[in-house]
Amino acid sequence: MHFDLTDLRLFLQTLDSGSITAGAARCHLALASASARMRGLEASLGTPLLLRGRRGVRPTAAGQALAYHARSLLQHVDRMEEDLGDYASGFKGRVRLLCNTAAVTEHLPEPLGAFLRVHPNIDVDLQEQPSHRILPELREGTADVGIVSDAVDLSGLHATPFRRDRLVLLAPRGHALARRARVRYTETLDHDHIGLPASTALGVYLDDQAARAGRRARTRVRVQGFDAVARLVAQGAGLGIMPEAAARRWAGRAGIRLLILDEPWADRQLMLCVRTMEGLPNYARALIQALQPQAGEPS
């Protein structure tokens, strides 16, 4: 078995990006060199590691096993470098952070921006995914840190509160529901909705709640971002559901009413999760500390 740390880093970057070309770019390797390394890695291990297709690559069962061990090994290497004092110029590293829609758009930008400003040598690979899809990646070690809703099963993970995230309803003034203070989600399904793309974490979450009620939302149009949703609501195009933090920016403006979404699943606590704190390199721990609510800040 013959391979080096560059091979392992290239393999992980290829999986994370979905292609050898992108993996090579992330590792600052020529494509020909990266392809040769991947072939050599498979030859050394005596088994295919990647399934190659027109839309990119995905791991075989052997590739998934290698990814698990490679991430663990590289984390230990990073810790060793830290302990040997090679970080005299400050933390260096890359953290893979997976979050749901509300965390990415509403709660994360300020603390993450402050962290990146203070730590110029740390990069963050930030990806948006539904909470239930983040958990397997944390447990398998393919993601370092996750921010998820407390509605999912967090067993086996180290989890601490991140921010409260209550979903509310925006309705156009004059709408049949606009005079209400509170409304059940199933009541809104009799009316037109403005939604986020179905692939977003919140889009998946709301579609799942409708399916559990045996219903389907009447989504007239899907747009990118909560501000676009609110602007269309103000024009009377339909109802919109979003985190309260985003809705408050529009509450009280002409043409919009804010209603409480009267559902237990709508009042969520976002949780900051890792598989284990002990296995994280110092730069990932520094990110977690920076993202935790500060004294006096609501969680």
C-alpha atoms as a PDB file:
ATOM      1  CA  MET A   1       0.000   0.000   0.000  1.00  0.00           C
ATOM      2  CA  HIS A   2       1.779   3.167  -1.217  1.00  0.00           C
ATOM      3  CA  PHE A   3       0.259   6.650  -0.952  1.00  0.00           C
ATOM      4  CA  ASP A   4       1.029   9.962   0.734  1.00  0.00           C
ATOM      5  CA  LEU A   5      -0.879  12.754   2.469  1.00  0.00           C
ATOM      6  CA  THR A   6      -1.271  14.667  -0.796  1.00  0.00           C
ATOM      7  CA  ASP A   7      -3.079  11.650  -2.254  1.00  0.00           C
ATOM      8  CA  LEU A   8      -5.458  11.586   0.694  1.00  0.00           C
ATOM      9  CA  ARG A   9      -6.119  15.327   0.577  1.00  0.00           C
ATOM     10  CA  LEU A  10      -6.723  15.133  -3.168  1.00  0.00           C
ATOM     11  CA  PHE A  11      -9.139  12.240  -2.682  1.00  0.00           C
ATOM     12  CA  LEU A  12     -11.156  14.108  -0.031  1.00  0.00           C
ATOM     13  CA  GLN A  13     -11.260  17.325  -2.050  1.00  0.00           C
ATOM     14  CA  THR A  14     -12.424  15.332  -5.075  1.00  0.00           C
ATOM     15  CA  LEU A  15     -15.286  13.854  -3.052  1.00  0.00           C
ATOM     16  CA  ASP A  16     -16.249  17.205  -1.520  1.00  0.00           C
ATOM     17  CA  SER A  17     -16.255  19.009  -4.879  1.00  0.00           C
ATOM     18  CA  GLY A  18     -17.704  16.143  -6.937  1.00  0.00           C
ATOM     19  CA  SER A  19     -14.988  16.076  -9.607  1.00  0.00           C
ATOM     20  CA  ILE A  20     -11.292  15.330 -10.045  1.00  0.00           C
ATOM     21  CA  THR A  21     -10.860  18.626 -11.894  1.00  0.00           C
ATOM     22  CA  ALA A  22     -12.187  20.675  -8.968  1.00  0.00           C
ATOM     23  CA  GLY A  23     -10.272  18.528  -6.462  1.00  0.00           C
ATOM     24  CA  ALA A  24      -7.056  19.130  -8.367  1.00  0.00           C
ATOM     25  CA  ALA A  25      -7.677  22.884  -8.375  1.00  0.00           C
ATOM     26  CA  ARG A  26      -8.274  22.900  -4.621  1.00  0.00           C
ATOM     27  CA  CYS A  27      -5.015  21.025  -4.076  1.00  0.00           C
ATOM     28  CA  HIS A  28      -3.118  23.221  -6.580  1.00  0.00           C
ATOM     29  CA  LEU A  29      -2.309  20.240  -8.820  1.00  0.00           C
ATOM     30  CA  ALA A  30      -2.403  19.913 -12.579  1.00  0.00           C
ATOM     31  CA  LEU A  31      -5.306  17.772 -13.754  1.00  0.00           C
ATOM     32  CA  ALA A  32      -2.968  15.216 -15.361  1.00  0.00           C
ATOM     33  CA  SER A  33      -1.008  14.880 -12.127  1.00  0.00           C
ATOM     34  CA  ALA A  34      -4.189  14.576 -10.056  1.00  0.00           C
ATOM     35  CA  SER A  35      -5.619  11.904 -12.380  1.00  0.00           C
ATOM     36  CA  ALA A  36      -2.380   9.928 -12.187  1.00  0.00           C
ATOM     37  CA  ARG A  37      -2.419  10.147  -8.386  1.00  0.00           C
ATOM     38  CA  MET A  38      -6.015   8.898  -8.230  1.00  0.00           C
ATOM     39  CA  ARG A  39      -5.207   5.954 -10.516  1.00  0.00           C
ATOM     40  CA  GLY A  40      -2.134   5.166  -8.432  1.00  0.00           C
ATOM     41  CA  LEU A  41      -4.148   5.293  -5.214  1.00  0.00           C
ATOM     42  CA  GLU A  42      -6.705   2.837  -6.595  1.00  0.00           C
ATOM     43  CA  ALA A  43      -3.935   0.570  -7.905  1.00  0.00           C
ATOM     44  CA  SER A  44      -2.147   0.658  -4.559  1.00  0.00           C
ATOM     45  CA  LEU A  45      -5.309  -0.311  -2.675  1.00  0.00           C
ATOM     46  CA  GLY A  46      -6.333  -2.842  -5.311  1.00  0.00           C
ATOM     47  CA  THR A  47      -9.926  -1.624  -5.620  1.00  0.00           C
ATOM     48  CA  PRO A  48     -11.905   1.162  -7.339  1.00  0.00           C
ATOM     49  CA  LEU A  49     -12.521   4.165  -5.100  1.00  0.00           C
ATOM     50  CA  LEU A  50     -14.628   6.348  -7.395  1.00  0.00           C
ATOM     51  CA  LEU A  51     -17.635   5.847  -9.630  1.00  0.00           C
ATOM     52  CA  ARG A  52     -17.119   8.169 -12.586  1.00  0.00           C
ATOM     53  CA  GLY A  53     -20.069   9.604 -14.514  1.00  0.00           C
ATOM     54  CA  ARG A  54     -21.055  12.520 -16.694  1.00  0.00           C
ATOM     55  CA  ARG A  55     -22.105  14.543 -13.646  1.00  0.00           C
ATOM     56  CA  GLY A  56     -18.915  13.923 -11.718  1.00  0.00           C
ATOM     57  CA  VAL A  57     -17.680  11.301  -9.291  1.00  0.00           C
ATOM     58  CA  ARG A  58     -19.012   9.620  -6.173  1.00  0.00           C
ATOM     59  CA  PRO A  59     -17.341   7.147  -3.822  1.00  0.00           C
ATOM     60  CA  THR A  60     -17.623   3.380  -3.974  1.00  0.00           C
ATOM     61  CA  ALA A  61     -18.038   1.493  -0.703  1.00  0.00           C
ATOM     62  CA  ALA A  62     -14.246   1.256  -0.496  1.00  0.00           C
ATOM     63  CA  GLY A  63     -14.042   4.995  -1.234  1.00  0.00           C
ATOM     64  CA  GLN A  64     -16.400   5.787   1.633  1.00  0.00           C
ATOM     65  CA  ALA A  65     -14.256   3.714   3.991  1.00  0.00           C
ATOM     66  CA  LEU A  66     -11.094   5.458   2.790  1.00  0.00           C
ATOM     67  CA  ALA A  67     -12.722   8.885   3.220  1.00  0.00           C
ATOM     68  CA  TYR A  68     -13.625   8.097   6.820  1.00  0.00           C
ATOM     69  CA  HIS A  69     -10.077   7.029   7.722  1.00  0.00           C
ATOM     70  CA  ALA A  70      -8.422   9.739   5.617  1.00  0.00           C
ATOM     71  CA  ARG A  71     -10.315  12.531   7.388  1.00  0.00           C
ATOM     72  CA  SER A  72      -9.412  11.089  10.764  1.00  0.00           C
ATOM     73  CA  LEU A  73      -5.761  10.658   9.775  1.00  0.00           C
ATOM     74  CA  LEU A  74      -5.440  14.178   8.376  1.00  0.00           C
ATOM     75  CA  GLN A  75      -7.052  15.631  11.474  1.00  0.00           C
ATOM     76  CA  HIS A  76      -4.417  13.866  13.586  1.00  0.00           C
ATOM     77  CA  VAL A  77      -1.701  15.182  11.273  1.00  0.00           C
ATOM     78  CA  ASP A  78      -3.053  18.704  11.705  1.00  0.00           C
ATOM     79  CA  ARG A  79      -3.070  18.277  15.473  1.00  0.00           C
ATOM     80  CA  MET A  80       0.505  17.010  15.362  1.00  0.00           C
ATOM     81  CA  GLU A  81       1.608  20.047  13.354  1.00  0.00           C
ATOM     82  CA  GLU A  82      -0.073  22.311  15.880  1.00  0.00           C
ATOM     83  CA  ASP A  83       1.672  20.586  18.789  1.00  0.00           C
ATOM     84  CA  LEU A  84       5.045  20.875  17.041  1.00  0.00           C
ATOM     85  CA  GLY A  85       4.677  24.609  16.803  1.00  0.00           C
ATOM     86  CA  ASP A  86       4.374  24.987  13.038  1.00  0.00           C
ATOM     87  CA  TYR A  87       1.500  27.412  13.545  1.00  0.00           C
ATOM     88  CA  ALA A  88       3.626  30.257  14.855  1.00  0.00           C
ATOM     89  CA  SER A  89       1.942  32.616  12.412  1.00  0.00           C
ATOM     90  CA  GLY A  90      -1.520  31.654  13.645  1.00  0.00           C
ATOM     91  CA  PHE A  91      -4.039  28.853  13.037  1.00  0.00           C
ATOM     92  CA  LYS A  92      -4.092  27.355   9.545  1.00  0.00           C
ATOM     93  CA  GLY A  93      -6.662  24.964   8.194  1.00  0.00           C
ATOM     94  CA  ARG A  94      -9.963  24.368   6.425  1.00  0.00           C
ATOM     95  CA  VAL A  95     -13.254  23.547   8.176  1.00  0.00           C
ATOM     96  CA  ARG A  96     -16.203  21.905   6.408  1.00  0.00           C
ATOM     97  CA  LEU A  97     -19.342  23.500   7.893  1.00  0.00           C
ATOM     98  CA  LEU A  98     -22.844  22.276   6.951  1.00  0.00           C
ATOM     99  CA  CYS A  99     -25.908  24.371   7.896  1.00  0.00           C
ATOM    100  CA  ASN A 100     -29.619  24.611   7.244  1.00  0.00           C
ATOM    101  CA  THR A 101     -31.133  27.593   5.387  1.00  0.00           C
ATOM    102  CA  ALA A 102     -31.935  29.734   8.425  1.00  0.00           C
ATOM    103  CA  ALA A 103     -28.421  29.412   9.829  1.00  0.00           C
ATOM    104  CA  VAL A 104     -26.751  30.248   6.506  1.00  0.00           C
ATOM    105  CA  THR A 105     -28.884  33.269   5.672  1.00  0.00           C
ATOM    106  CA  GLU A 106     -29.861  34.789   9.018  1.00  0.00           C
ATOM    107  CA  HIS A 107     -27.720  33.779  11.961  1.00  0.00           C
ATOM    108  CA  LEU A 108     -24.293  32.849  10.598  1.00  0.00           C
ATOM    109  CA  PRO A 109     -22.950  35.763   8.496  1.00  0.00           C
ATOM    110  CA  GLU A 110     -21.994  38.112  11.358  1.00  0.00           C
ATOM    111  CA  PRO A 111     -20.179  35.662  13.702  1.00  0.00           C
ATOM    112  CA  LEU A 112     -18.600  33.822  10.770  1.00  0.00           C
ATOM    113  CA  GLY A 113     -17.445  37.067   9.164  1.00  0.00           C
ATOM    114  CA  ALA A 114     -15.883  38.211  12.435  1.00  0.00           C
ATOM    115  CA  PHE A 115     -14.116  34.862  12.798  1.00  0.00           C
ATOM    116  CA  LEU A 116     -12.716  34.939   9.251  1.00  0.00           C
ATOM    117  CA  ARG A 117     -11.458  38.479   9.775  1.00  0.00           C
ATOM    118  CA  VAL A 118      -9.565  37.477  12.930  1.00  0.00           C
ATOM    119  CA  HIS A 119      -8.242  34.205  11.412  1.00  0.00           C
ATOM    120  CA  PRO A 120      -7.084  34.986   7.854  1.00  0.00           C
ATOM    121  CA  ASN A 121      -5.383  31.589   7.497  1.00  0.00           C
ATOM    122  CA  ILE A 122      -8.525  29.529   8.145  1.00  0.00           C
ATOM    123  CA  ASP A 123     -10.867  28.735   5.260  1.00  0.00           C
ATOM    124  CA  VAL A 124     -14.459  27.537   5.704  1.00  0.00           C
ATOM    125  CA  ASP A 125     -16.164  25.227   3.212  1.00  0.00           C
ATOM    126  CA  LEU A 126     -19.779  26.291   3.907  1.00  0.00           C
ATOM    127  CA  GLN A 127     -22.622  24.263   2.404  1.00  0.00           C
ATOM    128  CA  GLU A 128     -26.392  24.452   2.887  1.00  0.00           C
ATOM    129  CA  GLN A 129     -28.217  21.164   3.512  1.00  0.00           C
ATOM    130  CA  PRO A 130     -31.376  20.020   5.332  1.00  0.00           C
ATOM    131  CA  SER A 131     -30.761  19.066   8.955  1.00  0.00           C
ATOM    132  CA  HIS A 132     -31.527  15.373   8.426  1.00  0.00           C
ATOM    133  CA  ARG A 133     -28.860  15.174   5.706  1.00  0.00           C
ATOM    134  CA  ILE A 134     -26.215  16.904   7.817  1.00  0.00           C
ATOM    135  CA  LEU A 135     -26.320  14.330  10.631  1.00  0.00           C
ATOM    136  CA  PRO A 136     -24.941  11.350   8.629  1.00  0.00           C
ATOM    137  CA  GLU A 137     -22.024  13.465   7.405  1.00  0.00           C
ATOM    138  CA  LEU A 138     -21.168  14.471  10.969  1.00  0.00           C
ATOM    139  CA  ARG A 139     -21.383  10.889  12.218  1.00  0.00           C
ATOM    140  CA  GLU A 140     -19.304   9.567   9.312  1.00  0.00           C
ATOM    141  CA  GLY A 141     -16.691  12.294   9.717  1.00  0.00           C
ATOM    142  CA  THR A 142     -17.181  13.806   6.248  1.00  0.00           C
ATOM    143  CA  ALA A 143     -18.137  17.157   7.834  1.00  0.00           C
ATOM    144  CA  ASP A 144     -16.407  18.882  10.747  1.00  0.00           C
ATOM    145  CA  VAL A 145     -19.217  21.051  12.123  1.00  0.00           C
ATOM    146  CA  GLY A 146     -22.976  21.210  11.532  1.00  0.00           C
ATOM    147  CA  ILE A 147     -25.790  23.580  12.477  1.00  0.00           C
ATOM    148  CA  VAL A 148     -29.139  21.768  12.565  1.00  0.00           C
ATOM    149  CA  SER A 149     -32.631  22.006  14.008  1.00  0.00           C
ATOM    150  CA  ASP A 150     -33.236  20.334  17.368  1.00  0.00           C
ATOM    151  CA  ALA A 151     -36.160  18.486  15.746  1.00  0.00           C
ATOM    152  CA  VAL A 152     -33.739  15.815  14.485  1.00  0.00           C
ATOM    153  CA  ASP A 153     -32.102  13.007  16.468  1.00  0.00           C
ATOM    154  CA  LEU A 154     -28.805  14.328  17.882  1.00  0.00           C
ATOM    155  CA  SER A 155     -27.816  11.138  19.710  1.00  0.00           C
ATOM    156  CA  GLY A 156     -24.134  10.318  19.496  1.00  0.00           C
ATOM    157  CA  LEU A 157     -23.142  13.918  18.731  1.00  0.00           C
ATOM    158  CA  HIS A 158     -21.746  16.721  20.873  1.00  0.00           C
ATOM    159  CA  ALA A 159     -24.392  19.469  20.555  1.00  0.00           C
ATOM    160  CA  THR A 160     -24.723  22.959  22.062  1.00  0.00           C
ATOM    161  CA  PRO A 161     -27.361  25.691  21.435  1.00  0.00           C
ATOM    162  CA  PHE A 162     -26.605  28.056  18.555  1.00  0.00           C
ATOM    163  CA  ARG A 163     -29.600  30.354  17.995  1.00  0.00           C
ATOM    164  CA  ARG A 164     -33.388  30.225  18.356  1.00  0.00           C
ATOM    165  CA  ASP A 165     -35.102  30.033  14.976  1.00  0.00           C
ATOM    166  CA  ARG A 166     -38.879  30.519  14.920  1.00  0.00           C
ATOM    167  CA  LEU A 167     -40.662  30.250  11.569  1.00  0.00           C
ATOM    168  CA  VAL A 168     -43.438  32.771  10.921  1.00  0.00           C
ATOM    169  CA  LEU A 169     -45.889  33.566   8.124  1.00  0.00           C
ATOM    170  CA  LEU A 170     -45.959  36.710   6.013  1.00  0.00           C
ATOM    171  CA  ALA A 171     -49.331  37.509   4.447  1.00  0.00           C
ATOM    172  CA  PRO A 172     -50.407  40.342   2.134  1.00  0.00           C
ATOM    173  CA  ARG A 173     -52.672  42.931   3.748  1.00  0.00           C
ATOM    174  CA  GLY A 174     -56.241  42.162   2.750  1.00  0.00           C
ATOM    175  CA  HIS A 175     -55.535  38.430   2.512  1.00  0.00           C
ATOM    176  CA  ALA A 176     -58.117  36.102   4.066  1.00  0.00           C
ATOM    177  CA  LEU A 177     -55.643  35.166   6.813  1.00  0.00           C
ATOM    178  CA  ALA A 178     -54.151  38.632   7.370  1.00  0.00           C
ATOM    179  CA  ARG A 179     -56.453  39.593  10.271  1.00  0.00           C
ATOM    180  CA  ARG A 180     -55.377  36.553  12.277  1.00  0.00           C
ATOM    181  CA  ALA A 181     -52.620  36.650  14.900  1.00  0.00           C
ATOM    182  CA  ARG A 182     -51.819  32.949  14.653  1.00  0.00           C
ATOM    183  CA  VAL A 183     -52.421  30.348  11.979  1.00  0.00           C
ATOM    184  CA  ARG A 184     -51.893  26.608  11.562  1.00  0.00           C
ATOM    185  CA  TYR A 185     -49.717  25.492   8.682  1.00  0.00           C
ATOM    186  CA  THR A 186     -52.470  23.283   7.249  1.00  0.00           C
ATOM    187  CA  GLU A 187     -54.726  26.350   6.996  1.00  0.00           C
ATOM    188  CA  THR A 188     -52.170  28.074   4.797  1.00  0.00           C
ATOM    189  CA  LEU A 189     -52.124  25.141   2.381  1.00  0.00           C
ATOM    190  CA  ASP A 190     -55.513  26.214   1.037  1.00  0.00           C
ATOM    191  CA  HIS A 191     -53.827  29.377  -0.302  1.00  0.00           C
ATOM    192  CA  ASP A 192     -51.038  30.233  -2.751  1.00  0.00           C
ATOM    193  CA  HIS A 193     -47.452  30.277  -1.442  1.00  0.00           C
ATOM    194  CA  ILE A 194     -44.202  31.958  -2.458  1.00  0.00           C
ATOM    195  CA  GLY A 195     -41.349  29.579  -1.648  1.00  0.00           C
ATOM    196  CA  LEU A 196     -37.620  29.054  -1.747  1.00  0.00           C
ATOM    197  CA  PRO A 197     -36.188  26.524  -4.221  1.00  0.00           C
ATOM    198  CA  ALA A 198     -37.249  22.972  -3.414  1.00  0.00           C
ATOM    199  CA  SER A 199     -33.578  21.993  -3.035  1.00  0.00           C
ATOM    200  CA  THR A 200     -32.956  24.398  -0.123  1.00  0.00           C
ATOM    201  CA  ALA A 201     -33.023  23.111   3.436  1.00  0.00           C
ATOM    202  CA  LEU A 202     -36.109  25.162   4.356  1.00  0.00           C
ATOM    203  CA  GLY A 203     -37.856  24.200   1.116  1.00  0.00           C
ATOM    204  CA  VAL A 204     -37.328  20.512   1.911  1.00  0.00           C
ATOM    205  CA  TYR A 205     -38.433  21.035   5.522  1.00  0.00           C
ATOM    206  CA  LEU A 206     -41.725  22.730   4.631  1.00  0.00           C
ATOM    207  CA  ASP A 207     -42.533  20.275   1.846  1.00  0.00           C
ATOM    208  CA  ASP A 208     -41.966  17.463   4.350  1.00  0.00           C
ATOM    209  CA  GLN A 209     -44.342  19.056   6.891  1.00  0.00           C
ATOM    210  CA  ALA A 210     -47.037  19.367   4.222  1.00  0.00           C
ATOM    211  CA  ALA A 211     -46.545  15.725   3.202  1.00  0.00           C
ATOM    212  CA  ARG A 212     -46.915  14.614   6.820  1.00  0.00           C
ATOM    213  CA  ALA A 213     -50.312  16.304   6.857  1.00  0.00           C
ATOM    214  CA  GLY A 214     -51.220  14.494   3.636  1.00  0.00           C
ATOM    215  CA  ARG A 215     -51.156  17.773   1.728  1.00  0.00           C
ATOM    216  CA  ARG A 216     -49.039  19.669  -0.755  1.00  0.00           C
ATOM    217  CA  ALA A 217     -48.296  23.392  -0.773  1.00  0.00           C
ATOM    218  CA  ARG A 218     -49.660  25.421  -3.691  1.00  0.00           C
ATOM    219  CA  THR A 219     -46.358  27.098  -4.522  1.00  0.00           C
ATOM    220  CA  ARG A 220     -46.846  29.594  -7.351  1.00  0.00           C
ATOM    221  CA  VAL A 221     -43.185  30.513  -7.708  1.00  0.00           C
ATOM    222  CA  ARG A 222     -39.884  29.695  -6.012  1.00  0.00           C
ATOM    223  CA  VAL A 223     -37.294  32.444  -5.626  1.00  0.00           C
ATOM    224  CA  GLN A 224     -33.803  32.864  -4.229  1.00  0.00           C
ATOM    225  CA  GLY A 225     -33.739  34.485  -0.799  1.00  0.00           C
ATOM    226  CA  PHE A 226     -36.158  35.679   1.874  1.00  0.00           C
ATOM    227  CA  ASP A 227     -36.159  39.287   0.675  1.00  0.00           C
ATOM    228  CA  ALA A 228     -37.484  38.175  -2.726  1.00  0.00           C
ATOM    229  CA  VAL A 229     -40.187  36.137  -0.977  1.00  0.00           C
ATOM    230  CA  ALA A 230     -41.238  39.152   1.126  1.00  0.00           C
ATOM    231  CA  ARG A 231     -41.337  41.510  -1.855  1.00  0.00           C
ATOM    232  CA  LEU A 232     -43.648  39.144  -3.722  1.00  0.00           C
ATOM    233  CA  VAL A 233     -45.853  38.775  -0.634  1.00  0.00           C
ATOM    234  CA  ALA A 234     -46.096  42.574  -0.485  1.00  0.00           C
ATOM    235  CA  GLN A 235     -47.343  42.523  -4.074  1.00  0.00           C
ATOM    236  CA  GLY A 236     -50.136  40.129  -3.078  1.00  0.00           C
ATOM    237  CA  ALA A 237     -48.715  37.134  -4.951  1.00  0.00           C
ATOM    238  CA  GLY A 238     -49.102  34.705  -2.039  1.00  0.00           C
ATOM    239  CA  LEU A 239     -48.026  33.721   1.471  1.00  0.00           C
ATOM    240  CA  GLY A 240     -44.433  33.289   2.593  1.00  0.00           C
ATOM    241  CA  ILE A 241     -42.854  31.328   5.460  1.00  0.00           C
ATOM    242  CA  MET A 242     -39.441  32.315   6.770  1.00  0.00           C
ATOM    243  CA  PRO A 243     -37.418  32.723   9.998  1.00  0.00           C
ATOM    244  CA  GLU A 244     -38.676  35.463  12.279  1.00  0.00           C
ATOM    245  CA  ALA A 245     -35.289  37.209  12.077  1.00  0.00           C
ATOM    246  CA  ALA A 246     -35.813  37.707   8.336  1.00  0.00           C
ATOM    247  CA  ALA A 247     -39.530  38.498   8.605  1.00  0.00           C
ATOM    248  CA  ARG A 248     -38.978  41.281  11.152  1.00  0.00           C
ATOM    249  CA  ARG A 249     -37.160  43.284   8.480  1.00  0.00           C
ATOM    250  CA  TRP A 250     -40.439  43.446   6.556  1.00  0.00           C
ATOM    251  CA  ALA A 251     -43.058  43.483   9.328  1.00  0.00           C
ATOM    252  CA  GLY A 252     -45.019  46.698   9.373  1.00  0.00           C
ATOM    253  CA  ARG A 253     -44.119  47.671   5.833  1.00  0.00           C
ATOM    254  CA  ALA A 254     -46.935  48.547   3.491  1.00  0.00           C
ATOM    255  CA  GLY A 255     -48.690  45.504   2.189  1.00  0.00           C
ATOM    256  CA  ILE A 256     -47.377  42.916   4.690  1.00  0.00           C
ATOM    257  CA  ARG A 257     -48.685  41.294   7.886  1.00  0.00           C
ATOM    258  CA  LEU A 258     -46.684  38.965  10.152  1.00  0.00           C
ATOM    259  CA  LEU A 259     -48.495  35.994  11.745  1.00  0.00           C
ATOM    260  CA  ILE A 260     -47.294  33.408  14.243  1.00  0.00           C
ATOM    261  CA  LEU A 261     -47.091  29.944  12.688  1.00  0.00           C
ATOM    262  CA  ASP A 262     -48.882  27.929  15.356  1.00  0.00           C
ATOM    263  CA  GLU A 263     -46.972  24.645  15.046  1.00  0.00           C
ATOM    264  CA  PRO A 264     -44.560  22.971  17.513  1.00  0.00           C
ATOM    265  CA  TRP A 265     -42.093  22.305  14.709  1.00  0.00           C
ATOM    266  CA  ALA A 266     -42.041  25.997  13.750  1.00  0.00           C
ATOM    267  CA  ASP A 267     -40.410  27.071  17.045  1.00  0.00           C
ATOM    268  CA  ARG A 268     -36.952  25.585  16.634  1.00  0.00           C
ATOM    269  CA  GLN A 269     -33.648  25.729  18.452  1.00  0.00           C
ATOM    270  CA  LEU A 270     -30.668  25.543  16.129  1.00  0.00           C
ATOM    271  CA  MET A 271     -27.871  23.362  17.509  1.00  0.00           C
ATOM    272  CA  LEU A 272     -24.131  23.533  16.859  1.00  0.00           C
ATOM    273  CA  CYS A 273     -22.960  19.918  16.440  1.00  0.00           C
ATOM    274  CA  VAL A 274     -19.754  17.922  16.024  1.00  0.00           C
ATOM    275  CA  ARG A 275     -19.059  14.223  16.242  1.00  0.00           C
ATOM    276  CA  THR A 276     -16.600  14.744  19.084  1.00  0.00           C
ATOM    277  CA  MET A 277     -14.682  17.756  20.349  1.00  0.00           C
ATOM    278  CA  GLU A 278     -11.617  15.661  21.123  1.00  0.00           C
ATOM    279  CA  GLY A 279     -11.115  14.706  17.478  1.00  0.00           C
ATOM    280  CA  LEU A 280     -11.202  18.254  16.123  1.00  0.00           C
ATOM    281  CA  PRO A 281      -8.096  20.278  15.253  1.00  0.00           C
ATOM    282  CA  ASN A 282      -7.608  23.514  17.152  1.00  0.00           C
ATOM    283  CA  TYR A 283      -8.721  25.707  14.257  1.00  0.00           C
ATOM    284  CA  ALA A 284     -12.104  23.910  14.117  1.00  0.00           C
ATOM    285  CA  ARG A 285     -12.491  24.328  17.870  1.00  0.00           C
ATOM    286  CA  ALA A 286     -11.740  28.032  17.456  1.00  0.00           C
ATOM    287  CA  LEU A 287     -14.581  28.317  14.917  1.00  0.00           C
ATOM    288  CA  ILE A 288     -17.033  26.550  17.245  1.00  0.00           C
ATOM    289  CA  GLN A 289     -16.108  28.882  20.093  1.00  0.00           C
ATOM    290  CA  ALA A 290     -16.614  31.917  17.859  1.00  0.00           C
ATOM    291  CA  LEU A 291     -20.066  30.744  16.751  1.00  0.00           C
ATOM    292  CA  GLN A 292     -21.437  30.064  20.225  1.00  0.00           C
ATOM    293  CA  PRO A 293     -23.747  32.785  21.644  1.00  0.00           C
ATOM    294  CA  GLN A 294     -21.892  35.395  23.655  1.00  0.00           C
ATOM    295  CA  ALA A 295     -22.938  36.521  27.130  1.00  0.00           C
ATOM    296  CA  GLY A 296     -26.204  38.444  26.949  1.00  0.00           C
ATOM    297  CA  GLU A 297     -26.937  37.309  23.392  1.00  0.00           C
ATOM    298  CA  PRO A 298     -30.127  35.274  22.887  1.00  0.00           C
ATOM    299  CA  SER A 299     -29.531  31.664  21.869  1.00  0.00           C
END
